[in-house]
C-alpha atoms as a PDB file:
ATOM      1  CA  MET A   1      36.018   3.054 -53.897  1.00  0.00           C
ATOM      2  CA  THR A   2      34.823   5.640 -51.371  1.00  0.00           C
ATOM      3  CA  GLN A   3      31.131   6.231 -50.885  1.00  0.00           C
ATOM      4  CA  ASN A   4      31.728  10.009 -50.916  1.00  0.00           C
ATOM      5  CA  TYR A   5      32.494  10.330 -54.622  1.00  0.00           C
ATOM      6  CA  ILE A   6      29.284  12.288 -55.273  1.00  0.00           C
ATOM      7  CA  PRO A   7      29.988  16.050 -55.161  1.00  0.00           C
ATOM      8  CA  ARG A   8      28.518  17.823 -52.139  1.00  0.00           C
ATOM      9  CA  ASN A   9      28.063  21.204 -53.773  1.00  0.00           C
ATOM     10  CA  ASP A  10      24.771  21.358 -55.686  1.00  0.00           C
ATOM     11  CA  ALA A  11      26.208  23.123 -58.734  1.00  0.00           C
ATOM     12  CA  GLU A  12      29.055  20.619 -58.955  1.00  0.00           C
ATOM     13  CA  PHE A  13      26.586  17.772 -58.453  1.00  0.00           C
ATOM     14  CA  ASP A  14      24.405  19.095 -61.274  1.00  0.00           C
ATOM     15  CA  ASN A  15      27.344  19.285 -63.693  1.00  0.00           C
ATOM     16  CA  TRP A  16      28.635  15.873 -62.606  1.00  0.00           C
ATOM     17  CA  PHE A  17      25.239  14.173 -62.939  1.00  0.00           C
ATOM     18  CA  HIS A  18      24.607  15.814 -66.321  1.00  0.00           C
ATOM     19  CA  ASN A  19      28.008  14.639 -67.561  1.00  0.00           C
ATOM     20  CA  ILE A  20      27.296  11.046 -66.508  1.00  0.00           C
ATOM     21  CA  ARG A  21      23.910  11.121 -68.201  1.00  0.00           C
ATOM     22  CA  GLU A  22      25.354  12.441 -71.460  1.00  0.00           C
ATOM     23  CA  TYR A  23      28.312  10.057 -71.335  1.00  0.00           C
ATOM     24  CA  VAL A  24      26.070   7.042 -70.776  1.00  0.00           C
ATOM     25  CA  ALA A  25      23.757   8.201 -73.569  1.00  0.00           C
ATOM     26  CA  ALA A  26      26.687   8.422 -75.988  1.00  0.00           C
ATOM     27  CA  LYS A  27      27.968   4.965 -75.054  1.00  0.00           C
ATOM     28  CA  THR A  28      24.581   3.257 -75.211  1.00  0.00           C
ATOM     29  CA  GLY A  29      22.963   5.105 -78.116  1.00  0.00           C
ATOM     30  CA  GLY A  30      25.048   3.890 -81.037  1.00  0.00           C
ATOM     31  CA  GLU A  31      24.379   1.043 -83.456  1.00  0.00           C
ATOM     32  CA  PRO A  32      25.698  -1.175 -82.079  1.00  0.00           C
ATOM     33  CA  PRO A  33      26.065   0.427 -78.627  1.00  0.00           C
ATOM     34  CA  GLU A  34      29.501   0.392 -77.001  1.00  0.00           C
ATOM     35  CA  TRP A  35      27.858  -0.559 -73.706  1.00  0.00           C
ATOM     36  CA  PRO A  36      25.145  -3.049 -74.722  1.00  0.00           C
ATOM     37  CA  ASP A  37      24.447  -4.558 -71.291  1.00  0.00           C
ATOM     38  CA  ILE A  38      22.674  -1.609 -69.667  1.00  0.00           C
ATOM     39  CA  PRO A  39      18.899  -2.233 -69.979  1.00  0.00           C
ATOM     40  CA  ARG A  40      16.907   0.552 -71.606  1.00  0.00           C
ATOM     41  CA  PRO A  41      14.522   0.870 -68.600  1.00  0.00           C
ATOM     42  CA  VAL A  42      17.531   1.504 -66.349  1.00  0.00           C
ATOM     43  CA  ILE A  43      18.770   4.276 -68.632  1.00  0.00           C
ATOM     44  CA  THR A  44      15.258   5.741 -68.648  1.00  0.00           C
ATOM     45  CA  GLU A  45      15.264   5.690 -64.848  1.00  0.00           C
ATOM     46  CA  LEU A  46      18.624   7.496 -64.757  1.00  0.00           C
ATOM     47  CA  ASN A  47      17.376  10.169 -67.167  1.00  0.00           C
ATOM     48  CA  ALA A  48      14.160  10.617 -65.192  1.00  0.00           C
ATOM     49  CA  ALA A  49      16.169  11.043 -61.997  1.00  0.00           C
ATOM     50  CA  TYR A  50      18.202  13.827 -63.597  1.00  0.00           C
ATOM     51  CA  ASP A  51      15.108  15.534 -64.986  1.00  0.00           C
ATOM     52  CA  ASP A  52      13.471  15.356 -61.552  1.00  0.00           C
ATOM     53  CA  TRP A  53      16.591  16.809 -59.895  1.00  0.00           C
ATOM     54  CA  ARG A  54      16.926  19.576 -62.493  1.00  0.00           C
ATOM     55  CA  ALA A  55      13.267  20.561 -62.216  1.00  0.00           C
ATOM     56  CA  HIS A  56      13.703  21.156 -58.475  1.00  0.00           C
ATOM     57  CA  TYR A  57      17.245  22.540 -58.654  1.00  0.00           C
ATOM     58  CA  GLU A  58      16.586  25.347 -61.140  1.00  0.00           C
ATOM     59  CA  PRO A  59      14.084  27.227 -58.894  1.00  0.00           C
ATOM     60  CA  SER A  60      16.741  27.309 -56.180  1.00  0.00           C
ATOM     61  CA  LEU A  61      19.068  29.310 -58.443  1.00  0.00           C
ATOM     62  CA  HIS A  62      16.864  32.383 -57.986  1.00  0.00           C
ATOM     63  CA  PRO A  63      15.424  34.057 -54.888  1.00  0.00           C
ATOM     64  CA  HIS A  64      13.213  31.391 -53.365  1.00  0.00           C
ATOM     65  CA  THR A  65      11.316  30.255 -50.321  1.00  0.00           C
ATOM     66  CA  PRO A  66      12.534  27.660 -47.804  1.00  0.00           C
ATOM     67  CA  ALA A  67      10.026  25.228 -49.296  1.00  0.00           C
ATOM     68  CA  VAL A  68      11.932  25.316 -52.603  1.00  0.00           C
ATOM     69  CA  THR A  69      15.104  24.319 -50.771  1.00  0.00           C
ATOM     70  CA  VAL A  70      13.331  21.436 -49.070  1.00  0.00           C
ATOM     71  CA  GLU A  71      11.988  20.153 -52.392  1.00  0.00           C
ATOM     72  CA  LYS A  72      15.414  20.527 -54.012  1.00  0.00           C
ATOM     73  CA  ASN A  73      17.086  18.553 -51.221  1.00  0.00           C
ATOM     74  CA  SER A  74      14.464  15.812 -51.502  1.00  0.00           C
ATOM     75  CA  ALA A  75      15.019  15.603 -55.253  1.00  0.00           C
ATOM     76  CA  ARG A  76      18.752  15.268 -54.682  1.00  0.00           C
ATOM     77  CA  LYS A  77      18.211  12.357 -52.281  1.00  0.00           C
ATOM     78  CA  ARG A  78      16.022  10.646 -54.861  1.00  0.00           C
ATOM     79  CA  ALA A  79      18.674  11.205 -57.514  1.00  0.00           C
ATOM     80  CA  GLU A  80      21.476   9.781 -55.386  1.00  0.00           C
ATOM     81  CA  ALA A  81      19.323   6.727 -54.610  1.00  0.00           C
ATOM     82  CA  VAL A  82      19.284   6.036 -58.361  1.00  0.00           C
ATOM     83  CA  ILE A  83      22.893   6.982 -59.098  1.00  0.00           C
ATOM     84  CA  ARG A  84      24.671   4.819 -56.519  1.00  0.00           C
ATOM     85  CA  PRO A  85      23.228   1.429 -57.550  1.00  0.00           C
ATOM     86  CA  PHE A  86      23.527   2.401 -61.234  1.00  0.00           C
ATOM     87  CA  VAL A  87      27.247   3.102 -60.821  1.00  0.00           C
ATOM     88  CA  GLN A  88      27.735  -0.078 -58.806  1.00  0.00           C
ATOM     89  CA  ARG A  89      25.827  -2.347 -61.200  1.00  0.00           C
ATOM     90  CA  PHE A  90      26.923  -0.999 -64.568  1.00  0.00           C
ATOM     91  CA  LEU A  91      29.905   1.358 -64.430  1.00  0.00           C
ATOM     92  CA  HIS A  92      32.442  -0.778 -62.569  1.00  0.00           C
ATOM     93  CA  TRP A  93      32.589  -3.631 -65.045  1.00  0.00           C
ATOM     94  CA  PRO A  94      33.794  -4.117 -68.630  1.00  0.00           C
ATOM     95  CA  PRO A  95      33.295  -2.798 -71.210  1.00  0.00           C
ATOM     96  CA  VAL A  96      33.435   0.379 -69.066  1.00  0.00           C
ATOM     97  CA  THR A  97      37.130   1.219 -68.686  1.00  0.00           C
ATOM     98  CA  ASP A  98      39.218   3.064 -66.108  1.00  0.00           C
ATOM     99  CA  GLY A  99      39.439   5.907 -68.618  1.00  0.00           C
ATOM    100  CA  ASP A 100      35.648   6.045 -68.918  1.00  0.00           C
ATOM    101  CA  ARG A 101      35.351   6.339 -65.158  1.00  0.00           C
ATOM    102  CA  VAL A 102      37.934   9.135 -65.102  1.00  0.00           C
ATOM    103  CA  ASN A 103      35.902  10.958 -67.755  1.00  0.00           C
ATOM    104  CA  MET A 104      32.786  10.590 -65.593  1.00  0.00           C
ATOM    105  CA  ALA A 105      34.635  11.561 -62.374  1.00  0.00           C
ATOM    106  CA  ILE A 106      33.871   8.172 -60.833  1.00  0.00           C
ATOM    107  CA  PRO A 107      36.746   6.705 -58.786  1.00  0.00           C
ATOM    108  CA  ASN A 108      38.213   3.445 -59.984  1.00  0.00           C
ATOM    109  CA  ARG A 109      38.188   0.445 -57.699  1.00  0.00           C
ATOM    110  CA  ASP A 110      41.110  -0.251 -55.402  1.00  0.00           C
ATOM    111  CA  SER A 111      43.463  -2.750 -57.000  1.00  0.00           C
ATOM    112  CA  ILE A 112      44.193  -4.472 -53.675  1.00  0.00           C
ATOM    113  CA  ARG A 113      41.304  -6.564 -52.388  1.00  0.00           C
ATOM    114  CA  THR A 114      40.989  -6.668 -48.609  1.00  0.00           C
ATOM    115  CA  SER A 115      38.373  -7.696 -46.086  1.00  0.00           C
ATOM    116  CA  HIS A 116      37.336  -4.045 -45.920  1.00  0.00           C
ATOM    117  CA  ILE A 117      36.477  -4.133 -49.621  1.00  0.00           C
ATOM    118  CA  GLU A 118      34.887  -7.557 -49.893  1.00  0.00           C
ATOM    119  CA  VAL A 119      31.254  -7.943 -48.878  1.00  0.00           C
ATOM    120  CA  ALA A 120      30.958 -11.455 -47.488  1.00  0.00           C
ATOM    121  CA  GLU A 121      27.548 -11.128 -45.821  1.00  0.00           C
ATOM    122  CA  VAL A 122      24.302 -12.092 -47.539  1.00  0.00           C
ATOM    123  CA  VAL A 123      20.918 -10.455 -46.957  1.00  0.00           C
ATOM    124  CA  GLU A 124      18.029 -12.507 -45.646  1.00  0.00           C
ATOM    125  CA  PHE A 125      14.640 -10.801 -45.712  1.00  0.00           C
ATOM    126  CA  GLU A 126      10.909 -11.165 -45.269  1.00  0.00           C
ATOM    127  CA  LEU A 127       8.121  -9.319 -47.070  1.00  0.00           C
ATOM    128  CA  LYS A 128       5.183  -7.975 -45.060  1.00  0.00           C
ATOM    129  CA  LEU A 129       2.014  -6.100 -45.961  1.00  0.00           C
ATOM    130  CA  ARG A 130       1.211  -3.013 -43.871  1.00  0.00           C
ATOM    131  CA  ASN A 131      -0.895  -0.580 -45.899  1.00  0.00           C
ATOM    132  CA  ILE A 132      -2.468  -0.576 -49.334  1.00  0.00           C
ATOM    133  CA  ARG A 133       0.081   0.043 -52.105  1.00  0.00           C
ATOM    134  CA  GLU A 134       2.908  -0.662 -49.657  1.00  0.00           C
ATOM    135  CA  ILE A 135       5.195  -3.626 -48.920  1.00  0.00           C
ATOM    136  CA  LEU A 136       7.654  -3.754 -46.040  1.00  0.00           C
ATOM    137  CA  VAL A 137      11.045  -5.408 -46.512  1.00  0.00           C
ATOM    138  CA  GLU A 138      12.362  -6.599 -43.146  1.00  0.00           C
ATOM    139  CA  PHE A 139      15.990  -7.670 -43.563  1.00  0.00           C
ATOM    140  CA  TRP A 140      18.966  -8.952 -41.582  1.00  0.00           C
ATOM    141  CA  ILE A 141      22.320 -10.696 -42.013  1.00  0.00           C
ATOM    142  CA  LYS A 142      21.724 -14.252 -43.144  1.00  0.00           C
ATOM    143  CA  GLY A 143      22.264 -16.591 -40.220  1.00  0.00           C
ATOM    144  CA  ALA A 144      22.384 -13.802 -37.613  1.00  0.00           C
ATOM    145  CA  SER A 145      20.184 -13.704 -34.518  1.00  0.00           C
ATOM    146  CA  HIS A 146      19.869  -9.905 -34.646  1.00  0.00           C
ATOM    147  CA  LYS A 147      18.637  -7.482 -37.299  1.00  0.00           C
ATOM    148  CA  ALA A 148      21.425  -4.902 -37.198  1.00  0.00           C
ATOM    149  CA  LYS A 149      23.205  -4.180 -40.481  1.00  0.00           C
ATOM    150  CA  PRO A 150      26.932  -5.034 -40.686  1.00  0.00           C
ATOM    151  CA  ALA A 151      29.186  -2.485 -39.013  1.00  0.00           C
ATOM    152  CA  ASN A 152      30.135   0.472 -41.210  1.00  0.00           C
ATOM    153  CA  TYR A 153      27.846  -0.620 -44.056  1.00  0.00           C
ATOM    154  CA  ASP A 154      25.508   1.748 -45.904  1.00  0.00           C
ATOM    155  CA  GLY A 155      22.725  -0.802 -45.636  1.00  0.00           C
ATOM    156  CA  ALA A 156      20.877  -3.158 -47.939  1.00  0.00           C
ATOM    157  CA  ALA A 157      20.524  -2.364 -51.635  1.00  0.00           C
ATOM    158  CA  LEU A 158      17.018  -3.353 -52.725  1.00  0.00           C
ATOM    159  CA  ALA A 159      16.049  -4.089 -56.316  1.00  0.00           C
ATOM    160  CA  TRP A 160      12.567  -4.841 -57.573  1.00  0.00           C
ATOM    161  CA  ASP A 161      10.233  -5.031 -60.544  1.00  0.00           C
ATOM    162  CA  VAL A 162       6.504  -5.486 -61.033  1.00  0.00           C
ATOM    163  CA  SER A 163       6.216  -8.201 -63.648  1.00  0.00           C
ATOM    164  CA  ASP A 164       3.908 -10.868 -65.017  1.00  0.00           C
ATOM    165  CA  ALA A 165       6.763 -13.392 -64.944  1.00  0.00           C
ATOM    166  CA  PRO A 166       9.748 -13.842 -62.601  1.00  0.00           C
ATOM    167  CA  PRO A 167      12.886 -12.068 -63.851  1.00  0.00           C
ATOM    168  CA  GLN A 168      15.700 -14.460 -64.713  1.00  0.00           C
ATOM    169  CA  ARG A 169      18.172 -12.942 -62.255  1.00  0.00           C
ATOM    170  CA  PRO A 170      18.384 -10.162 -59.644  1.00  0.00           C
ATOM    171  CA  GLU A 171      20.593  -8.081 -61.949  1.00  0.00           C
ATOM    172  CA  ASP A 172      17.619  -7.736 -64.298  1.00  0.00           C
ATOM    173  CA  LEU A 173      15.553  -5.850 -61.704  1.00  0.00           C
ATOM    174  CA  THR A 174      15.366  -2.177 -62.654  1.00  0.00           C
ATOM    175  CA  HIS A 175      14.069  -0.269 -59.586  1.00  0.00           C
ATOM    176  CA  HIS A 176      16.468   0.398 -56.724  1.00  0.00           C
ATOM    177  CA  ALA A 177      16.646   1.863 -53.246  1.00  0.00           C
ATOM    178  CA  MET A 178      19.190   1.952 -50.439  1.00  0.00           C
ATOM    179  CA  ALA A 179      17.654   0.760 -47.164  1.00  0.00           C
ATOM    180  CA  SER A 180      19.724   2.046 -44.263  1.00  0.00           C
ATOM    181  CA  ARG A 181      17.487   0.476 -41.643  1.00  0.00           C
ATOM    182  CA  THR A 182      14.929  -2.285 -41.344  1.00  0.00           C
ATOM    183  CA  PRO A 183      12.101  -2.472 -42.198  1.00  0.00           C
ATOM    184  CA  HIS A 184      12.090  -0.509 -45.447  1.00  0.00           C
ATOM    185  CA  ALA A 185       8.790   0.430 -47.094  1.00  0.00           C
ATOM    186  CA  ILE A 186       8.345   0.270 -50.865  1.00  0.00           C
ATOM    187  CA  GLU A 187       5.320   2.191 -52.143  1.00  0.00           C
ATOM    188  CA  PHE A 188       3.493   1.431 -55.367  1.00  0.00           C
ATOM    189  CA  ASP A 189       1.016   3.094 -57.690  1.00  0.00           C
ATOM    190  CA  GLU A 190      -2.709   2.406 -57.509  1.00  0.00           C
ATOM    191  CA  THR A 191      -2.555   0.809 -60.974  1.00  0.00           C
ATOM    192  CA  GLN A 192      -0.105  -1.803 -59.644  1.00  0.00           C
ATOM    193  CA  ARG A 193      -2.411  -3.185 -56.964  1.00  0.00           C
ATOM    194  CA  GLY A 194      -3.009  -6.921 -57.385  1.00  0.00           C
ATOM    195  CA  LYS A 195       0.135  -7.369 -59.468  1.00  0.00           C
ATOM    196  CA  THR A 196       3.227  -9.306 -58.411  1.00  0.00           C
ATOM    197  CA  VAL A 197       6.453  -7.617 -57.376  1.00  0.00           C
ATOM    198  CA  TYR A 198       9.781  -9.465 -57.361  1.00  0.00           C
ATOM    199  CA  ILE A 199      12.421  -8.268 -54.894  1.00  0.00           C
ATOM    200  CA  ALA A 200      16.090  -9.059 -54.187  1.00  0.00           C
ATOM    201  CA  ALA A 201      18.607  -7.519 -51.772  1.00  0.00           C
ATOM    202  CA  ALA A 202      22.372  -7.261 -51.279  1.00  0.00           C
ATOM    203  CA  TRP A 203      24.518  -5.635 -48.591  1.00  0.00           C
ATOM    204  CA  GLN A 204      26.487  -2.531 -49.574  1.00  0.00           C
ATOM    205  CA  ASN A 205      29.587  -1.574 -47.601  1.00  0.00           C
ATOM    206  CA  GLU A 206      30.920   1.905 -46.888  1.00  0.00           C
ATOM    207  CA  ARG A 207      33.023   1.813 -50.071  1.00  0.00           C
ATOM    208  CA  GLY A 208      29.870   1.393 -52.135  1.00  0.00           C
ATOM    209  CA  ASN A 209      30.613  -2.253 -53.005  1.00  0.00           C
ATOM    210  CA  LEU A 210      27.764  -4.743 -53.239  1.00  0.00           C
ATOM    211  CA  GLY A 211      27.754  -8.285 -51.930  1.00  0.00           C
ATOM    212  CA  ALA A 212      25.993 -11.234 -53.494  1.00  0.00           C
ATOM    213  CA  TRP A 213      22.319 -10.791 -54.329  1.00  0.00           C
ATOM    214  CA  SER A 214      19.841 -12.758 -52.278  1.00  0.00           C
ATOM    215  CA  GLU A 215      17.326 -15.117 -53.782  1.00  0.00           C
ATOM    216  CA  MET A 216      14.367 -13.244 -55.227  1.00  0.00           C
ATOM    217  CA  GLN A 217      11.108 -13.190 -53.324  1.00  0.00           C
ATOM    218  CA  SER A 218       7.683 -12.125 -54.567  1.00  0.00           C
ATOM    219  CA  ALA A 219       4.495 -10.659 -53.140  1.00  0.00           C
ATOM    220  CA  VAL A 220       1.155  -9.453 -54.444  1.00  0.00           C
ATOM    221  CA  ILE A 221       0.853  -5.664 -54.084  1.00  0.00           C
ATOM    222  CA  PRO A 222      -2.060  -4.929 -51.701  1.00  0.00           C
END
């Protein structure tokens, strides 16, 4: 699957994102839901990302200042940072079908598995404290003596949650970001200071495919 499946044109992106949101809502909102394995907080995050994008996109449809364009572009980056891991984690596996992906304009996976598709590398990382409400994730290829990401990879997909108890598995973590370079800073809210955050990471190649998740690590938010 190519990493460039997200429409470049803003109007096309808006229609595409809205369609995915509505399609996911229809498949997860029934009793019982057709897609029962997508956690409710993840769906909430997807909806919030669209609402954030739409709130900044609409002002750009009328005569506007350069600042409006900057804010719209920033909102789009935030939206894509939510969309890509959501598609990778939940829309490429059963019960989602090839037909569902066609309806959402998401390319289906290549049927032939090659070394260019497989992600063999594993992320190794260290958590560091730099500022209040901020944790740095310094990552590298497990076993490597350097800290460069694998050639032609997007970077490391990071997943985290602030929780009173350790999540059972990395797939249960609901917040996501794509870290294209190390270290990557994760910022938190003032109300989260003193709480524990659990973090895992996986390499993502240029096709948008994820490798195996690392072991989870935890830190107290400063």
